[in-house]
Amino acid sequence: TVYLQMDSLKPEDTAVYFCYAYEQFPYWGQGT
């Protein structure tokens, strides 16, 4: 598991966040 701890959030941080991994090929999560 990889984590992204986000503090002091700003309105401009509003987005869909995607997890990405690379092992021979790129892979994407569905987004949150």
ModelCIF file with pLDDT and N, C-alpha, C, O atoms, coordinates in Angstrom:
data_MODEL
#
_entry.id   MODEL 
#
_entity.id                         1 
_entity.type                       polymer 
_entity.pdbx_number_of_molecules   1 
#
_entity_poly.entity_id                      1 
_entity_poly.type                           'polypeptide(L)' 
_entity_poly.nstd_linkage                   no 
_entity_poly.nstd_monomer                   no 
_entity_poly.pdbx_seq_one_letter_code       TVYLQMDSLKPEDTAVYFCYAYEQFPYWGQGT 
_entity_poly.pdbx_seq_one_letter_code_can   TVYLQMDSLKPEDTAVYFCYAYEQFPYWGQGT 
_entity_poly.pdbx_strand_id                 A 
#
loop_
_entity_poly_seq.entity_id 
_entity_poly_seq.num 
_entity_poly_seq.mon_id 
_entity_poly_seq.hetero 
1 1  THR n 
1 2  VAL n 
1 3  TYR n 
1 4  LEU n 
1 5  GLN n 
1 6  MET n 
1 7  ASP n 
1 8  SER n 
1 9  LEU n 
1 10 LYS n 
1 11 PRO n 
1 12 GLU n 
1 13 ASP n 
1 14 THR n 
1 15 ALA n 
1 16 VAL n 
1 17 TYR n 
1 18 PHE n 
1 19 CYS n 
1 20 TYR n 
1 21 ALA n 
1 22 TYR n 
1 23 GLU n 
1 24 GLN n 
1 25 PHE n 
1 26 PRO n 
1 27 TYR n 
1 28 TRP n 
1 29 GLY n 
1 30 GLN n 
1 31 GLY n 
1 32 THR n 
#
_struct_asym.id          A 
_struct_asym.entity_id   1 
#
loop_
_ma_qa_metric.id 
_ma_qa_metric.mode 
_ma_qa_metric.name 
_ma_qa_metric.software_group_id 
_ma_qa_metric.type 
1 global pLDDT . pLDDT 
2 local  pLDDT . pLDDT 
#
_ma_qa_metric_global.metric_id      1 
_ma_qa_metric_global.metric_value   96.09 
_ma_qa_metric_global.model_id       1 
_ma_qa_metric_global.ordinal_id     1 
#
loop_
_ma_qa_metric_local.label_asym_id 
_ma_qa_metric_local.label_comp_id 
_ma_qa_metric_local.label_seq_id 
_ma_qa_metric_local.metric_id 
_ma_qa_metric_local.metric_value 
_ma_qa_metric_local.model_id 
_ma_qa_metric_local.ordinal_id 
A THR 1  2 94.00 1 1  
A VAL 2  2 96.00 1 2  
A TYR 3  2 98.00 1 3  
A LEU 4  2 98.00 1 4  
A GLN 5  2 98.00 1 5  
A MET 6  2 98.00 1 6  
A ASP 7  2 98.00 1 7  
A SER 8  2 98.00 1 8  
A LEU 9  2 98.00 1 9  
A LYS 10 2 98.00 1 10 
A PRO 11 2 97.00 1 11 
A GLU 12 2 97.00 1 12 
A ASP 13 2 98.00 1 13 
A THR 14 2 98.00 1 14 
A ALA 15 2 98.00 1 15 
A VAL 16 2 98.00 1 16 
A TYR 17 2 98.00 1 17 
A PHE 18 2 98.00 1 18 
A CYS 19 2 97.00 1 19 
A TYR 20 2 97.00 1 20 
A ALA 21 2 95.00 1 21 
A TYR 22 2 92.00 1 22 
A GLU 23 2 88.00 1 23 
A GLN 24 2 88.00 1 24 
A PHE 25 2 92.00 1 25 
A PRO 26 2 94.00 1 26 
A TYR 27 2 95.00 1 27 
A TRP 28 2 96.00 1 28 
A GLY 29 2 96.00 1 29 
A GLN 30 2 96.00 1 30 
A GLY 31 2 96.00 1 31 
A THR 32 2 97.00 1 32 
#
loop_
_atom_site.group_PDB 
_atom_site.id 
_atom_site.type_symbol 
_atom_site.label_atom_id 
_atom_site.label_alt_id 
_atom_site.label_comp_id 
_atom_site.label_asym_id 
_atom_site.label_entity_id 
_atom_site.label_seq_id 
_atom_site.pdbx_PDB_ins_code 
_atom_site.Cartn_x 
_atom_site.Cartn_y 
_atom_site.Cartn_z 
_atom_site.occupancy 
_atom_site.B_iso_or_equiv 
_atom_site.pdbx_formal_charge 
_atom_site.auth_seq_id 
_atom_site.auth_comp_id 
_atom_site.auth_asym_id 
_atom_site.auth_atom_id 
_atom_site.pdbx_PDB_model_num 
ATOM 1   N N  . THR A 1 1  ? 0.838   -1.203 0.000   1.00 94.00 ? 1  THR A N  1 
ATOM 2   C CA . THR A 1 1  ? 0.000   0.000  0.000   1.00 94.00 ? 1  THR A CA 1 
ATOM 3   C C  . THR A 1 1  ? 0.872   1.252  0.000   1.00 94.00 ? 1  THR A C  1 
ATOM 4   O O  . THR A 1 1  ? 1.872   1.337  0.712   1.00 94.00 ? 1  THR A O  1 
ATOM 5   N N  . VAL A 1 2  ? 0.468   2.208  -0.809  1.00 96.00 ? 2  VAL A N  1 
ATOM 6   C CA . VAL A 1 2  ? 1.082   3.522  -0.844  1.00 96.00 ? 2  VAL A CA 1 
ATOM 7   C C  . VAL A 1 2  ? 0.073   4.535  -0.324  1.00 96.00 ? 2  VAL A C  1 
ATOM 8   O O  . VAL A 1 2  ? -1.123  4.446  -0.604  1.00 96.00 ? 2  VAL A O  1 
ATOM 9   N N  . TYR A 1 3  ? 0.569   5.483  0.425   1.00 98.00 ? 3  TYR A N  1 
ATOM 10  C CA . TYR A 1 3  ? -0.295  6.490  1.037   1.00 98.00 ? 3  TYR A CA 1 
ATOM 11  C C  . TYR A 1 3  ? 0.073   7.888  0.534   1.00 98.00 ? 3  TYR A C  1 
ATOM 12  O O  . TYR A 1 3  ? 1.208   8.152  0.135   1.00 98.00 ? 3  TYR A O  1 
ATOM 13  N N  . LEU A 1 4  ? -0.913  8.760  0.568   1.00 98.00 ? 4  LEU A N  1 
ATOM 14  C CA . LEU A 1 4  ? -0.660  10.182 0.324   1.00 98.00 ? 4  LEU A CA 1 
ATOM 15  C C  . LEU A 1 4  ? -1.323  10.945 1.463   1.00 98.00 ? 4  LEU A C  1 
ATOM 16  O O  . LEU A 1 4  ? -2.545  11.096 1.501   1.00 98.00 ? 4  LEU A O  1 
ATOM 17  N N  . GLN A 1 5  ? -0.503  11.421 2.382   1.00 98.00 ? 5  GLN A N  1 
ATOM 18  C CA . GLN A 1 5  ? -0.986  12.240 3.477   1.00 98.00 ? 5  GLN A CA 1 
ATOM 19  C C  . GLN A 1 5  ? -1.039  13.679 3.007   1.00 98.00 ? 5  GLN A C  1 
ATOM 20  O O  . GLN A 1 5  ? -0.026  14.253 2.608   1.00 98.00 ? 5  GLN A O  1 
ATOM 21  N N  . MET A 1 6  ? -2.229  14.257 3.058   1.00 98.00 ? 6  MET A N  1 
ATOM 22  C CA . MET A 1 6  ? -2.421  15.612 2.556   1.00 98.00 ? 6  MET A CA 1 
ATOM 23  C C  . MET A 1 6  ? -2.853  16.513 3.706   1.00 98.00 ? 6  MET A C  1 
ATOM 24  O O  . MET A 1 6  ? -3.925  16.324 4.282   1.00 98.00 ? 6  MET A O  1 
ATOM 25  N N  . ASP A 1 7  ? -2.026  17.482 4.034   1.00 98.00 ? 7  ASP A N  1 
ATOM 26  C CA . ASP A 1 7  ? -2.298  18.433 5.106   1.00 98.00 ? 7  ASP A CA 1 
ATOM 27  C C  . ASP A 1 7  ? -2.420  19.845 4.540   1.00 98.00 ? 7  ASP A C  1 
ATOM 28  O O  . ASP A 1 7  ? -2.026  20.117 3.406   1.00 98.00 ? 7  ASP A O  1 
ATOM 29  N N  . SER A 1 8  ? -2.971  20.724 5.350   1.00 98.00 ? 8  SER A N  1 
ATOM 30  C CA . SER A 1 8  ? -3.135  22.131 4.958   1.00 98.00 ? 8  SER A CA 1 
ATOM 31  C C  . SER A 1 8  ? -3.765  22.234 3.571   1.00 98.00 ? 8  SER A C  1 
ATOM 32  O O  . SER A 1 8  ? -3.286  22.975 2.713   1.00 98.00 ? 8  SER A O  1 
ATOM 33  N N  . LEU A 1 9  ? -4.823  21.493 3.369   1.00 98.00 ? 9  LEU A N  1 
ATOM 34  C CA . LEU A 1 9  ? -5.454  21.438 2.056   1.00 98.00 ? 9  LEU A CA 1 
ATOM 35  C C  . LEU A 1 9  ? -6.051  22.776 1.664   1.00 98.00 ? 9  LEU A C  1 
ATOM 36  O O  . LEU A 1 9  ? -6.563  23.524 2.497   1.00 98.00 ? 9  LEU A O  1 
ATOM 37  N N  . LYS A 1 10 ? -5.969  23.055 0.358   1.00 98.00 ? 10 LYS A N  1 
ATOM 38  C CA . LYS A 1 10 ? -6.481  24.294 -0.216  1.00 98.00 ? 10 LYS A CA 1 
ATOM 39  C C  . LYS A 1 10 ? -7.566  23.965 -1.241  1.00 98.00 ? 10 LYS A C  1 
ATOM 40  O O  . LYS A 1 10 ? -7.593  22.857 -1.777  1.00 98.00 ? 10 LYS A O  1 
ATOM 41  N N  . PRO A 1 11 ? -8.451  24.905 -1.515  1.00 97.00 ? 11 PRO A N  1 
ATOM 42  C CA . PRO A 1 11 ? -9.476  24.642 -2.533  1.00 97.00 ? 11 PRO A CA 1 
ATOM 43  C C  . PRO A 1 11 ? -8.889  24.212 -3.874  1.00 97.00 ? 11 PRO A C  1 
ATOM 44  O O  . PRO A 1 11 ? -9.496  23.412 -4.586  1.00 97.00 ? 11 PRO A O  1 
ATOM 45  N N  . GLU A 1 12 ? -7.725  24.729 -4.223  1.00 97.00 ? 12 GLU A N  1 
ATOM 46  C CA . GLU A 1 12 ? -7.113  24.352 -5.498  1.00 97.00 ? 12 GLU A CA 1 
ATOM 47  C C  . GLU A 1 12 ? -6.574  22.924 -5.516  1.00 97.00 ? 12 GLU A C  1 
ATOM 48  O O  . GLU A 1 12 ? -6.146  22.438 -6.563  1.00 97.00 ? 12 GLU A O  1 
ATOM 49  N N  . ASP A 1 13 ? -6.591  22.250 -4.370  1.00 98.00 ? 13 ASP A N  1 
ATOM 50  C CA . ASP A 1 13 ? -6.228  20.834 -4.333  1.00 98.00 ? 13 ASP A CA 1 
ATOM 51  C C  . ASP A 1 13 ? -7.409  19.946 -4.737  1.00 98.00 ? 13 ASP A C  1 
ATOM 52  O O  . ASP A 1 13 ? -7.254  18.733 -4.877  1.00 98.00 ? 13 ASP A O  1 
ATOM 53  N N  . THR A 1 14 ? -8.566  20.538 -4.922  1.00 98.00 ? 14 THR A N  1 
ATOM 54  C CA . THR A 1 14 ? -9.738  19.774 -5.348  1.00 98.00 ? 14 THR A CA 1 
ATOM 55  C C  . THR A 1 14 ? -9.473  19.097 -6.680  1.00 98.00 ? 14 THR A C  1 
ATOM 56  O O  . THR A 1 14 ? -9.114  19.752 -7.658  1.00 98.00 ? 14 THR A O  1 
ATOM 57  N N  . ALA A 1 15 ? -9.649  17.785 -6.714  1.00 98.00 ? 15 ALA A N  1 
ATOM 58  C CA . ALA A 1 15 ? -9.337  17.011 -7.919  1.00 98.00 ? 15 ALA A CA 1 
ATOM 59  C C  . ALA A 1 15 ? -9.721  15.560 -7.689  1.00 98.00 ? 15 ALA A C  1 
ATOM 60  O O  . ALA A 1 15 ? -10.012 15.140 -6.569  1.00 98.00 ? 15 ALA A O  1 
ATOM 61  N N  . VAL A 1 16 ? -9.714  14.812 -8.773  1.00 98.00 ? 16 VAL A N  1 
ATOM 62  C CA . VAL A 1 16 ? -9.729  13.360 -8.668  1.00 98.00 ? 16 VAL A CA 1 
ATOM 63  C C  . VAL A 1 16 ? -8.270  12.914 -8.588  1.00 98.00 ? 16 VAL A C  1 
ATOM 64  O O  . VAL A 1 16 ? -7.456  13.260 -9.445  1.00 98.00 ? 16 VAL A O  1 
ATOM 65  N N  . TYR A 1 17 ? -7.956  12.155 -7.565  1.00 98.00 ? 17 TYR A N  1 
ATOM 66  C CA . TYR A 1 17 ? -6.594  11.689 -7.348  1.00 98.00 ? 17 TYR A CA 1 
ATOM 67  C C  . TYR A 1 17 ? -6.470  10.243 -7.814  1.00 98.00 ? 17 TYR A C  1 
ATOM 68  O O  . TYR A 1 17 ? -7.279  9.384  -7.461  1.00 98.00 ? 17 TYR A O  1 
ATOM 69  N N  . PHE A 1 18 ? -5.439  9.996  -8.616  1.00 98.00 ? 18 PHE A N  1 
ATOM 70  C CA . PHE A 1 18 ? -5.225  8.689  -9.203  1.00 98.00 ? 18 PHE A CA 1 
ATOM 71  C C  . PHE A 1 18 ? -3.912  8.078  -8.702  1.00 98.00 ? 18 PHE A C  1 
ATOM 72  O O  . PHE A 1 18 ? -2.886  8.751  -8.600  1.00 98.00 ? 18 PHE A O  1 
ATOM 73  N N  . CYS A 1 19 ? -3.982  6.814  -8.403  1.00 97.00 ? 19 CYS A N  1 
ATOM 74  C CA . CYS A 1 19 ? -2.789  6.048  -8.079  1.00 97.00 ? 19 CYS A CA 1 
ATOM 75  C C  . CYS A 1 19 ? -2.203  5.516  -9.381  1.00 97.00 ? 19 CYS A C  1 
ATOM 76  O O  . CYS A 1 19 ? -2.937  5.124  -10.288 1.00 97.00 ? 19 CYS A O  1 
ATOM 77  N N  . TYR A 1 20 ? -0.896  5.506  -9.463  1.00 97.00 ? 20 TYR A N  1 
ATOM 78  C CA . TYR A 1 20 ? -0.190  5.058  -10.666 1.00 97.00 ? 20 TYR A CA 1 
ATOM 79  C C  . TYR A 1 20 ? 0.946   4.140  -10.252 1.00 97.00 ? 20 TYR A C  1 
ATOM 80  O O  . TYR A 1 20 ? 1.620   4.374  -9.248  1.00 97.00 ? 20 TYR A O  1 
ATOM 81  N N  . ALA A 1 21 ? 1.149   3.094  -11.041 1.00 95.00 ? 21 ALA A N  1 
ATOM 82  C CA . ALA A 1 21 ? 2.272   2.196  -10.794 1.00 95.00 ? 21 ALA A CA 1 
ATOM 83  C C  . ALA A 1 21 ? 2.886   1.805  -12.134 1.00 95.00 ? 21 ALA A C  1 
ATOM 84  O O  . ALA A 1 21 ? 2.206   1.771  -13.160 1.00 95.00 ? 21 ALA A O  1 
ATOM 85  N N  . TYR A 1 22 ? 4.164   1.517  -12.104 1.00 92.00 ? 22 TYR A N  1 
ATOM 86  C CA . TYR A 1 22 ? 4.838   1.097  -13.330 1.00 92.00 ? 22 TYR A CA 1 
ATOM 87  C C  . TYR A 1 22 ? 5.690   -0.130 -13.059 1.00 92.00 ? 22 TYR A C  1 
ATOM 88  O O  . TYR A 1 22 ? 6.559   -0.141 -12.187 1.00 92.00 ? 22 TYR A O  1 
ATOM 89  N N  . GLU A 1 23 ? 5.409   -1.147 -13.831 1.00 88.00 ? 23 GLU A N  1 
ATOM 90  C CA . GLU A 1 23 ? 6.250   -2.347 -13.847 1.00 88.00 ? 23 GLU A CA 1 
ATOM 91  C C  . GLU A 1 23 ? 6.124   -2.930 -15.245 1.00 88.00 ? 23 GLU A C  1 
ATOM 92  O O  . GLU A 1 23 ? 5.188   -3.674 -15.533 1.00 88.00 ? 23 GLU A O  1 
ATOM 93  N N  . GLN A 1 24 ? 7.047   -2.597 -16.090 1.00 88.00 ? 24 GLN A N  1 
ATOM 94  C CA . GLN A 1 24 ? 7.032   -2.953 -17.517 1.00 88.00 ? 24 GLN A CA 1 
ATOM 95  C C  . GLN A 1 24 ? 5.957   -2.179 -18.282 1.00 88.00 ? 24 GLN A C  1 
ATOM 96  O O  . GLN A 1 24 ? 6.164   -1.795 -19.433 1.00 88.00 ? 24 GLN A O  1 
ATOM 97  N N  . PHE A 1 25 ? 4.821   -1.955 -17.645 1.00 92.00 ? 25 PHE A N  1 
ATOM 98  C CA . PHE A 1 25 ? 3.726   -1.188 -18.251 1.00 92.00 ? 25 PHE A CA 1 
ATOM 99  C C  . PHE A 1 25 ? 3.162   -0.238 -17.197 1.00 92.00 ? 25 PHE A C  1 
ATOM 100 O O  . PHE A 1 25 ? 3.322   -0.474 -15.999 1.00 92.00 ? 25 PHE A O  1 
ATOM 101 N N  . PRO A 1 26 ? 2.505   0.832  -17.637 1.00 94.00 ? 26 PRO A N  1 
ATOM 102 C CA . PRO A 1 26 ? 1.852   1.726  -16.676 1.00 94.00 ? 26 PRO A CA 1 
ATOM 103 C C  . PRO A 1 26 ? 0.490   1.183  -16.261 1.00 94.00 ? 26 PRO A C  1 
ATOM 104 O O  . PRO A 1 26 ? -0.227  0.575  -17.055 1.00 94.00 ? 26 PRO A O  1 
ATOM 105 N N  . TYR A 1 27 ? 0.157   1.417  -15.006 1.00 95.00 ? 27 TYR A N  1 
ATOM 106 C CA . TYR A 1 27 ? -1.139  0.990  -14.485 1.00 95.00 ? 27 TYR A CA 1 
ATOM 107 C C  . TYR A 1 27 ? -1.743  2.144  -13.696 1.00 95.00 ? 27 TYR A C  1 
ATOM 108 O O  . TYR A 1 27 ? -1.038  2.892  -13.018 1.00 95.00 ? 27 TYR A O  1 
ATOM 109 N N  . TRP A 1 28 ? -3.077  2.273  -13.801 1.00 96.00 ? 28 TRP A N  1 
ATOM 110 C CA . TRP A 1 28 ? -3.796  3.349  -13.127 1.00 96.00 ? 28 TRP A CA 1 
ATOM 111 C C  . TRP A 1 28 ? -4.906  2.789  -12.253 1.00 96.00 ? 28 TRP A C  1 
ATOM 112 O O  . TRP A 1 28 ? -5.535  1.785  -12.587 1.00 96.00 ? 28 TRP A O  1 
ATOM 113 N N  . GLY A 1 29 ? -5.134  3.456  -11.127 1.00 96.00 ? 29 GLY A N  1 
ATOM 114 C CA . GLY A 1 29 ? -6.304  3.166  -10.330 1.00 96.00 ? 29 GLY A CA 1 
ATOM 115 C C  . GLY A 1 29 ? -7.513  3.881  -10.892 1.00 96.00 ? 29 GLY A C  1 
ATOM 116 O O  . GLY A 1 29 ? -7.417  4.598  -11.888 1.00 96.00 ? 29 GLY A O  1 
ATOM 117 N N  . GLN A 1 30 ? -8.658  3.682  -10.247 1.00 96.00 ? 30 GLN A N  1 
ATOM 118 C CA . GLN A 1 30 ? -9.911  4.236  -10.760 1.00 96.00 ? 30 GLN A CA 1 
ATOM 119 C C  . GLN A 1 30 ? -10.120 5.691  -10.354 1.00 96.00 ? 30 GLN A C  1 
ATOM 120 O O  . GLN A 1 30 ? -10.979 6.376  -10.910 1.00 96.00 ? 30 GLN A O  1 
ATOM 121 N N  . GLY A 1 31 ? -9.350  6.156  -9.403  1.00 96.00 ? 31 GLY A N  1 
ATOM 122 C CA . GLY A 1 31 ? -9.452  7.544  -8.953  1.00 96.00 ? 31 GLY A CA 1 
ATOM 123 C C  . GLY A 1 31 ? -10.352 7.696  -7.746  1.00 96.00 ? 31 GLY A C  1 
ATOM 124 O O  . GLY A 1 31 ? -11.307 6.942  -7.560  1.00 96.00 ? 31 GLY A O  1 
ATOM 125 N N  . THR A 1 32 ? -10.028 8.690  -6.924  1.00 97.00 ? 32 THR A N  1 
ATOM 126 C CA . THR A 1 32 ? -10.848 9.011  -5.763  1.00 97.00 ? 32 THR A CA 1 
ATOM 127 C C  . THR A 1 32 ? -10.976 10.531 -5.671  1.00 97.00 ? 32 THR A C  1 
ATOM 128 O O  . THR A 1 32 ? -11.629 11.041 -4.761  1.00 97.00 ? 32 THR A O  1 
#
